[in-house]
Amino acid sequence: MQVRIGVQSVPKELVVETSLSPDEVEQAVADALAEDDGVFALKSKNGRVVVPVTKLAYVEIAEADAPSVGFGSF
């Protein structure tokens, strides 16, 4: 699954591929936001991404879509 993380004052979002379920990612965000000065840590396929919750702008959780091929969408 793909998780997009927006960081305040950073124009480009972080895109992370993870094997966690959407519920597990949502719980990780909720746990991080519950702590004062907490960090949102997400295990990716290539390592770990850690963002201070004070800098989180958004977290978008999406199923990884297969790229479409062709000239139109059907």
C-alpha atoms as a PDB file:
ATOM      1  CA  MET A   1       0.000   0.000   0.000  1.00  0.00           C
ATOM      2  CA  GLN A   2       1.074   3.571  -0.607  1.00  0.00           C
ATOM      3  CA  VAL A   3       1.160   6.322   2.011  1.00  0.00           C
ATOM      4  CA  ARG A   4       1.680   9.983   1.092  1.00  0.00           C
ATOM      5  CA  ILE A   5       2.921  12.243   3.858  1.00  0.00           C
ATOM      6  CA  GLY A   6       2.759  16.011   3.667  1.00  0.00           C
ATOM      7  CA  VAL A   7       5.292  17.904   5.758  1.00  0.00           C
ATOM      8  CA  GLN A   8       4.762  21.561   6.657  1.00  0.00           C
ATOM      9  CA  SER A   9       7.001  24.017   4.785  1.00  0.00           C
ATOM     10  CA  VAL A  10       8.175  21.279   2.381  1.00  0.00           C
ATOM     11  CA  PRO A  11       6.767  21.550  -1.154  1.00  0.00           C
ATOM     12  CA  LYS A  12       7.213  17.876  -2.020  1.00  0.00           C
ATOM     13  CA  GLU A  13       5.335  15.079  -0.285  1.00  0.00           C
ATOM     14  CA  LEU A  14       6.917  11.858   0.957  1.00  0.00           C
ATOM     15  CA  VAL A  15       5.625   8.726  -0.775  1.00  0.00           C
ATOM     16  CA  VAL A  16       6.173   5.498   1.146  1.00  0.00           C
ATOM     17  CA  GLU A  17       5.374   1.932   0.100  1.00  0.00           C
ATOM     18  CA  THR A  18       4.539  -0.203   3.144  1.00  0.00           C
ATOM     19  CA  SER A  19       3.180  -3.647   3.872  1.00  0.00           C
ATOM     20  CA  LEU A  20       1.064  -2.325   6.754  1.00  0.00           C
ATOM     21  CA  SER A  21      -2.718  -2.329   6.448  1.00  0.00           C
ATOM     22  CA  PRO A  22      -4.647   0.966   6.213  1.00  0.00           C
ATOM     23  CA  ASP A  23      -5.923   0.429   9.775  1.00  0.00           C
ATOM     24  CA  GLU A  24      -2.375  -0.062  11.081  1.00  0.00           C
ATOM     25  CA  VAL A  25      -1.180   3.144   9.406  1.00  0.00           C
ATOM     26  CA  GLU A  26      -4.164   5.073  10.752  1.00  0.00           C
ATOM     27  CA  GLN A  27      -3.485   3.740  14.252  1.00  0.00           C
ATOM     28  CA  ALA A  28       0.195   4.750  13.981  1.00  0.00           C
ATOM     29  CA  VAL A  29      -0.861   8.302  13.061  1.00  0.00           C
ATOM     30  CA  ALA A  30      -3.374   8.451  15.927  1.00  0.00           C
ATOM     31  CA  ASP A  31      -0.811   7.154  18.424  1.00  0.00           C
ATOM     32  CA  ALA A  32       1.762   9.700  17.280  1.00  0.00           C
ATOM     33  CA  LEU A  33      -0.723  12.581  17.506  1.00  0.00           C
ATOM     34  CA  ALA A  34      -1.756  11.527  21.023  1.00  0.00           C
ATOM     35  CA  GLU A  35       1.753  12.149  22.367  1.00  0.00           C
ATOM     36  CA  ASP A  36       3.163  15.595  23.090  1.00  0.00           C
ATOM     37  CA  ASP A  37       6.122  16.154  20.770  1.00  0.00           C
ATOM     38  CA  GLY A  38       5.635  12.656  19.336  1.00  0.00           C
ATOM     39  CA  VAL A  39       6.916  11.339  16.053  1.00  0.00           C
ATOM     40  CA  PHE A  40       5.102   9.508  13.282  1.00  0.00           C
ATOM     41  CA  ALA A  41       7.231   6.513  12.327  1.00  0.00           C
ATOM     42  CA  LEU A  42       6.352   4.308   9.400  1.00  0.00           C
ATOM     43  CA  LYS A  43       8.229   1.186   8.369  1.00  0.00           C
ATOM     44  CA  SER A  44       8.702   1.116   4.623  1.00  0.00           C
ATOM     45  CA  LYS A  45      10.004  -1.578   2.343  1.00  0.00           C
ATOM     46  CA  ASN A  46      13.381   0.195   2.198  1.00  0.00           C
ATOM     47  CA  GLY A  47      13.709   1.406   5.784  1.00  0.00           C
ATOM     48  CA  ARG A  48      11.833   3.717   8.114  1.00  0.00           C
ATOM     49  CA  VAL A  49      10.392   7.210   7.769  1.00  0.00           C
ATOM     50  CA  VAL A  50      10.138   9.375  10.887  1.00  0.00           C
ATOM     51  CA  VAL A  51       8.379  12.761  10.939  1.00  0.00           C
ATOM     52  CA  PRO A  52       7.753  14.942  14.016  1.00  0.00           C
ATOM     53  CA  VAL A  53       3.976  15.286  14.489  1.00  0.00           C
ATOM     54  CA  THR A  54       4.355  19.035  14.874  1.00  0.00           C
ATOM     55  CA  LYS A  55       5.426  19.116  11.202  1.00  0.00           C
ATOM     56  CA  LEU A  56       2.768  16.746   9.786  1.00  0.00           C
ATOM     57  CA  ALA A  57       0.456  18.454   7.307  1.00  0.00           C
ATOM     58  CA  TYR A  58      -1.473  15.351   6.162  1.00  0.00           C
ATOM     59  CA  VAL A  59      -1.239  11.599   5.746  1.00  0.00           C
ATOM     60  CA  GLU A  60      -3.001  10.055   2.752  1.00  0.00           C
ATOM     61  CA  ILE A  61      -3.528   6.300   2.849  1.00  0.00           C
ATOM     62  CA  ALA A  62      -4.227   4.665  -0.520  1.00  0.00           C
ATOM     63  CA  GLU A  63      -4.196   1.199  -1.947  1.00  0.00           C
ATOM     64  CA  ALA A  64      -1.396   0.835  -4.488  1.00  0.00           C
ATOM     65  CA  ASP A  65      -2.989   1.058  -7.919  1.00  0.00           C
ATOM     66  CA  ALA A  66      -1.608  -0.673 -10.959  1.00  0.00           C
ATOM     67  CA  PRO A  67      -0.543   1.918 -13.510  1.00  0.00           C
ATOM     68  CA  SER A  68      -3.003   2.331 -16.348  1.00  0.00           C
ATOM     69  CA  VAL A  69      -1.797   1.629 -19.855  1.00  0.00           C
ATOM     70  CA  GLY A  70      -3.319   3.075 -22.995  1.00  0.00           C
ATOM     71  CA  PHE A  71      -4.872   6.276 -24.181  1.00  0.00           C
ATOM     72  CA  GLY A  72      -8.113   6.299 -22.253  1.00  0.00           C
ATOM     73  CA  SER A  73      -9.613   5.065 -19.068  1.00  0.00           C
ATOM     74  CA  PHE A  74     -12.217   2.356 -19.338  1.00  0.00           C
END
